Amino acid sequence: MLRALLIGLVAGARSMTPLAMVANAARTGTLPTDNGAPRWLGHPLVSLGTMALATYELAGDKQKSAPDRIIPPAIFVRSLNAAFAGMALSPRCDRIAGAAVAGAAAVLASYASFALRMRAMRDHGQTSTGFVEDAIVLAAATAAVRAPLPAVPAPTRALSEPQ
């Protein structure tokens, strides 16, 4: 669930980055094993298309005409993109839970990141705060998709029986 939570937090700041990162990982075969990603996600055209959309979003975010990330249509799209990416990063048996965690995290992170960005823009302007936010988002998205997670042993009967 950690990957789903992290990709949901990323979606709160950049709605297309989670899909682009997951599609690229699916294309290159670097998604975690036993993932919930559909096979078509790894198609080169899907990866290229989501990367183009994410790049456009990164550039567009610096424009004065960029809409607020907390308008209802933006929240809806962010939560759906996050849910899909969270599902793709979760083990097959946890796909629904991963989607729910990522979608909810995206909604909460949208409001939190918006408030932080507005506060930072008062002192540092839209462009510089956007680049800092981009760096944080890309690092977190990369960690969500590629960072090794510690292996947690499955509970055994010996652990669950009273002694």
C-alpha atoms as a PDB file:
ATOM      1  CA  MET A   1       0.000   0.000   0.000  1.00  0.00           C
ATOM      2  CA  LEU A   2       2.972   2.322   0.441  1.00  0.00           C
ATOM      3  CA  ARG A   3       3.423   2.644  -3.317  1.00  0.00           C
ATOM      4  CA  ALA A   4      -0.277   3.413  -3.794  1.00  0.00           C
ATOM      5  CA  LEU A   5      -0.206   6.030  -1.057  1.00  0.00           C
ATOM      6  CA  LEU A   6       2.895   7.688  -2.499  1.00  0.00           C
ATOM      7  CA  ILE A   7       1.539   7.775  -6.057  1.00  0.00           C
ATOM      8  CA  GLY A   8      -1.692   9.254  -4.701  1.00  0.00           C
ATOM      9  CA  LEU A   9       0.260  12.029  -3.012  1.00  0.00           C
ATOM     10  CA  VAL A  10       2.023  12.691  -6.318  1.00  0.00           C
ATOM     11  CA  ALA A  11      -1.322  12.947  -8.124  1.00  0.00           C
ATOM     12  CA  GLY A  12      -2.399  15.647  -5.704  1.00  0.00           C
ATOM     13  CA  ALA A  13       0.236  17.943  -7.192  1.00  0.00           C
ATOM     14  CA  ARG A  14       0.473  16.681 -10.800  1.00  0.00           C
ATOM     15  CA  SER A  15      -2.443  14.702 -12.176  1.00  0.00           C
ATOM     16  CA  MET A  16      -0.739  13.105 -15.194  1.00  0.00           C
ATOM     17  CA  THR A  17       2.637  12.242 -13.685  1.00  0.00           C
ATOM     18  CA  PRO A  18       1.418   9.072 -11.915  1.00  0.00           C
ATOM     19  CA  LEU A  19      -0.013   7.626 -15.132  1.00  0.00           C
ATOM     20  CA  ALA A  20       3.096   8.533 -17.100  1.00  0.00           C
ATOM     21  CA  MET A  21       5.429   6.971 -14.545  1.00  0.00           C
ATOM     22  CA  VAL A  22       3.371   3.785 -14.254  1.00  0.00           C
ATOM     23  CA  ALA A  23       2.985   3.453 -18.046  1.00  0.00           C
ATOM     24  CA  ASN A  24       6.717   3.946 -18.534  1.00  0.00           C
ATOM     25  CA  ALA A  25       7.487   1.375 -15.839  1.00  0.00           C
ATOM     26  CA  ALA A  26       5.069  -1.070 -17.466  1.00  0.00           C
ATOM     27  CA  ARG A  27       6.689  -0.490 -20.861  1.00  0.00           C
ATOM     28  CA  THR A  28      10.201  -1.062 -19.524  1.00  0.00           C
ATOM     29  CA  GLY A  29       9.201  -4.029 -17.367  1.00  0.00           C
ATOM     30  CA  THR A  30      10.134  -2.357 -14.081  1.00  0.00           C
ATOM     31  CA  LEU A  31       6.731  -2.439 -12.385  1.00  0.00           C
ATOM     32  CA  PRO A  32       6.671  -4.482  -9.182  1.00  0.00           C
ATOM     33  CA  THR A  33       5.915  -8.130  -9.807  1.00  0.00           C
ATOM     34  CA  ASP A  34       2.360  -9.409  -9.358  1.00  0.00           C
ATOM     35  CA  ASN A  35       0.994  -5.937 -10.083  1.00  0.00           C
ATOM     36  CA  GLY A  36      -2.568  -5.036 -10.943  1.00  0.00           C
ATOM     37  CA  ALA A  37      -1.666  -3.195 -14.160  1.00  0.00           C
ATOM     38  CA  PRO A  38      -3.548  -4.054 -17.339  1.00  0.00           C
ATOM     39  CA  ARG A  39      -1.357  -5.374 -20.129  1.00  0.00           C
ATOM     40  CA  TRP A  40      -2.116  -2.476 -22.513  1.00  0.00           C
ATOM     41  CA  LEU A  41      -0.562  -0.003 -20.068  1.00  0.00           C
ATOM     42  CA  GLY A  42       2.896  -1.081 -21.222  1.00  0.00           C
ATOM     43  CA  HIS A  43       2.235  -0.365 -24.904  1.00  0.00           C
ATOM     44  CA  PRO A  44       4.758   2.162 -26.271  1.00  0.00           C
ATOM     45  CA  LEU A  45       2.009   4.474 -27.552  1.00  0.00           C
ATOM     46  CA  VAL A  46       0.339   4.561 -24.137  1.00  0.00           C
ATOM     47  CA  SER A  47       3.661   5.352 -22.491  1.00  0.00           C
ATOM     48  CA  LEU A  48       4.475   8.030 -25.058  1.00  0.00           C
ATOM     49  CA  GLY A  49       1.012   9.590 -24.824  1.00  0.00           C
ATOM     50  CA  THR A  50       0.977   9.763 -21.036  1.00  0.00           C
ATOM     51  CA  MET A  51       4.525  11.178 -21.016  1.00  0.00           C
ATOM     52  CA  ALA A  52       3.480  13.878 -23.485  1.00  0.00           C
ATOM     53  CA  LEU A  53       0.461  14.791 -21.349  1.00  0.00           C
ATOM     54  CA  ALA A  54       2.578  14.868 -18.175  1.00  0.00           C
ATOM     55  CA  THR A  55       5.188  17.063 -19.863  1.00  0.00           C
ATOM     56  CA  TYR A  56       2.473  19.431 -21.056  1.00  0.00           C
ATOM     57  CA  GLU A  57       1.099  19.596 -17.527  1.00  0.00           C
ATOM     58  CA  LEU A  58       4.544  20.349 -16.069  1.00  0.00           C
ATOM     59  CA  ALA A  59       4.963  23.223 -18.525  1.00  0.00           C
ATOM     60  CA  GLY A  60       1.396  24.465 -18.205  1.00  0.00           C
ATOM     61  CA  ASP A  61       1.561  24.622 -14.434  1.00  0.00           C
ATOM     62  CA  LYS A  62       3.947  27.559 -14.685  1.00  0.00           C
ATOM     63  CA  GLN A  63       1.475  29.649 -16.700  1.00  0.00           C
ATOM     64  CA  LYS A  64      -0.649  32.321 -15.055  1.00  0.00           C
ATOM     65  CA  SER A  65      -3.679  30.914 -16.877  1.00  0.00           C
ATOM     66  CA  ALA A  66      -3.300  27.471 -15.266  1.00  0.00           C
ATOM     67  CA  PRO A  67      -6.501  26.518 -13.431  1.00  0.00           C
ATOM     68  CA  ASP A  68      -6.396  25.777  -9.716  1.00  0.00           C
ATOM     69  CA  ARG A  69      -5.865  22.110  -8.912  1.00  0.00           C
ATOM     70  CA  ILE A  70      -8.735  22.156  -6.457  1.00  0.00           C
ATOM     71  CA  ILE A  71     -11.566  22.916  -8.865  1.00  0.00           C
ATOM     72  CA  PRO A  72     -14.028  19.981  -8.892  1.00  0.00           C
ATOM     73  CA  PRO A  73     -13.181  18.649 -12.394  1.00  0.00           C
ATOM     74  CA  ALA A  74      -9.468  18.679 -11.527  1.00  0.00           C
ATOM     75  CA  ILE A  75     -10.076  16.837  -8.240  1.00  0.00           C
ATOM     76  CA  PHE A  76     -12.148  14.243 -10.088  1.00  0.00           C
ATOM     77  CA  VAL A  77      -9.466  13.628 -12.729  1.00  0.00           C
ATOM     78  CA  ARG A  78      -6.683  13.539 -10.121  1.00  0.00           C
ATOM     79  CA  SER A  79      -8.494  10.979  -8.013  1.00  0.00           C
ATOM     80  CA  LEU A  80      -9.251   8.755 -11.027  1.00  0.00           C
ATOM     81  CA  ASN A  81      -5.677   8.929 -12.344  1.00  0.00           C
ATOM     82  CA  ALA A  82      -4.317   8.223  -8.882  1.00  0.00           C
ATOM     83  CA  ALA A  83      -6.703   5.310  -8.355  1.00  0.00           C
ATOM     84  CA  PHE A  84      -5.658   3.760 -11.667  1.00  0.00           C
ATOM     85  CA  ALA A  85      -1.955   4.215 -10.909  1.00  0.00           C
ATOM     86  CA  GLY A  86      -2.426   2.919  -7.352  1.00  0.00           C
ATOM     87  CA  MET A  87      -4.171  -0.155  -8.703  1.00  0.00           C
ATOM     88  CA  ALA A  88      -1.343  -0.745 -11.171  1.00  0.00           C
ATOM     89  CA  LEU A  89       1.301  -0.508  -8.421  1.00  0.00           C
ATOM     90  CA  SER A  90      -0.526  -2.771  -5.972  1.00  0.00           C
ATOM     91  CA  PRO A  91      -0.405  -6.555  -5.885  1.00  0.00           C
ATOM     92  CA  ARG A  92      -3.303  -8.133  -7.747  1.00  0.00           C
ATOM     93  CA  CYS A  93      -4.969  -9.214  -4.514  1.00  0.00           C
ATOM     94  CA  ASP A  94      -4.906  -5.605  -3.224  1.00  0.00           C
ATOM     95  CA  ARG A  95      -5.913  -3.767  -6.416  1.00  0.00           C
ATOM     96  CA  ILE A  96      -9.147  -2.316  -5.038  1.00  0.00           C
ATOM     97  CA  ALA A  97      -7.554  -1.218  -1.773  1.00  0.00           C
ATOM     98  CA  GLY A  98      -4.596   0.292  -3.651  1.00  0.00           C
ATOM     99  CA  ALA A  99      -6.951   2.235  -5.906  1.00  0.00           C
ATOM    100  CA  ALA A 100      -8.939   3.527  -2.922  1.00  0.00           C
ATOM    101  CA  VAL A 101      -5.840   4.570  -0.982  1.00  0.00           C
ATOM    102  CA  ALA A 102      -4.303   6.352  -3.978  1.00  0.00           C
ATOM    103  CA  GLY A 103      -7.544   8.108  -4.927  1.00  0.00           C
ATOM    104  CA  ALA A 104      -8.174   9.348  -1.402  1.00  0.00           C
ATOM    105  CA  ALA A 105      -4.547  10.452  -0.990  1.00  0.00           C
ATOM    106  CA  ALA A 106      -4.780  12.423  -4.240  1.00  0.00           C
ATOM    107  CA  VAL A 107      -7.814  14.365  -3.045  1.00  0.00           C
ATOM    108  CA  LEU A 108      -6.214  15.231   0.294  1.00  0.00           C
ATOM    109  CA  ALA A 109      -2.856  16.041  -1.294  1.00  0.00           C
ATOM    110  CA  SER A 110      -4.538  18.324  -3.840  1.00  0.00           C
ATOM    111  CA  TYR A 111      -5.756  20.641  -1.109  1.00  0.00           C
ATOM    112  CA  ALA A 112      -2.569  20.408   0.945  1.00  0.00           C
ATOM    113  CA  SER A 113      -0.216  20.997  -1.983  1.00  0.00           C
ATOM    114  CA  PHE A 114      -2.409  23.854  -3.257  1.00  0.00           C
ATOM    115  CA  ALA A 115      -2.231  25.611   0.110  1.00  0.00           C
ATOM    116  CA  LEU A 116       1.542  25.130   0.321  1.00  0.00           C
ATOM    117  CA  ARG A 117       2.070  26.324  -3.235  1.00  0.00           C
ATOM    118  CA  MET A 118      -0.070  29.435  -2.726  1.00  0.00           C
ATOM    119  CA  ARG A 119       1.901  30.297   0.397  1.00  0.00           C
ATOM    120  CA  ALA A 120       5.239  29.753  -1.365  1.00  0.00           C
ATOM    121  CA  MET A 121       4.158  31.779  -4.403  1.00  0.00           C
ATOM    122  CA  ARG A 122       3.691  34.886  -2.257  1.00  0.00           C
ATOM    123  CA  ASP A 123       7.447  35.014  -1.662  1.00  0.00           C
ATOM    124  CA  HIS A 124       8.949  33.176  -4.635  1.00  0.00           C
ATOM    125  CA  GLY A 125       6.576  33.476  -7.613  1.00  0.00           C
ATOM    126  CA  GLN A 126       4.795  30.919  -9.739  1.00  0.00           C
ATOM    127  CA  THR A 127       7.626  29.663 -11.923  1.00  0.00           C
ATOM    128  CA  SER A 128      10.267  28.966  -9.279  1.00  0.00           C
ATOM    129  CA  THR A 129       7.800  27.311  -6.902  1.00  0.00           C
ATOM    130  CA  GLY A 130       6.507  25.244  -9.802  1.00  0.00           C
ATOM    131  CA  PHE A 131       9.996  23.953 -10.587  1.00  0.00           C
ATOM    132  CA  VAL A 132      10.600  23.044  -6.941  1.00  0.00           C
ATOM    133  CA  GLU A 133       7.261  21.282  -6.796  1.00  0.00           C
ATOM    134  CA  ASP A 134       8.083  19.436 -10.048  1.00  0.00           C
ATOM    135  CA  ALA A 135      11.349  18.161  -8.572  1.00  0.00           C
ATOM    136  CA  ILE A 136       9.583  16.870  -5.461  1.00  0.00           C
ATOM    137  CA  VAL A 137       6.813  15.274  -7.508  1.00  0.00           C
ATOM    138  CA  LEU A 138       9.176  13.543  -9.930  1.00  0.00           C
ATOM    139  CA  ALA A 139      11.340  12.195  -7.103  1.00  0.00           C
ATOM    140  CA  ALA A 140       8.302  10.883  -5.236  1.00  0.00           C
ATOM    141  CA  ALA A 141       6.817   9.341  -8.393  1.00  0.00           C
ATOM    142  CA  THR A 142      10.101   7.628  -9.193  1.00  0.00           C
ATOM    143  CA  ALA A 143      10.278   6.275  -5.652  1.00  0.00           C
ATOM    144  CA  ALA A 144       6.705   5.021  -5.845  1.00  0.00           C
ATOM    145  CA  VAL A 145       7.379   3.134  -9.055  1.00  0.00           C
ATOM    146  CA  ARG A 146      10.950   1.911  -8.561  1.00  0.00           C
ATOM    147  CA  ALA A 147      12.043   2.013  -4.942  1.00  0.00           C
ATOM    148  CA  PRO A 148      12.556  -1.401  -3.414  1.00  0.00           C
ATOM    149  CA  LEU A 149      10.239  -2.047  -0.529  1.00  0.00           C
ATOM    150  CA  PRO A 150      11.270  -4.197   2.402  1.00  0.00           C
ATOM    151  CA  ALA A 151       9.987  -7.751   2.265  1.00  0.00           C
ATOM    152  CA  VAL A 152       7.433  -8.321   4.989  1.00  0.00           C
ATOM    153  CA  PRO A 153       7.036 -11.966   5.876  1.00  0.00           C
ATOM    154  CA  ALA A 154       3.534 -13.345   5.659  1.00  0.00           C
ATOM    155  CA  PRO A 155       1.968 -14.219   8.991  1.00  0.00           C
ATOM    156  CA  THR A 156       2.321 -17.845   9.908  1.00  0.00           C
ATOM    157  CA  ARG A 157       0.168 -20.036  12.037  1.00  0.00           C
ATOM    158  CA  ALA A 158       2.863 -20.101  14.710  1.00  0.00           C
ATOM    159  CA  LEU A 159       2.701 -16.312  14.993  1.00  0.00           C
ATOM    160  CA  SER A 160      -1.066 -16.191  15.270  1.00  0.00           C
ATOM    161  CA  GLU A 161      -1.554 -18.943  17.846  1.00  0.00           C
ATOM    162  CA  PRO A 162      -1.627 -17.959  21.535  1.00  0.00           C
ATOM    163  CA  GLN A 163       1.289 -19.286  23.505  1.00  0.00           C
END
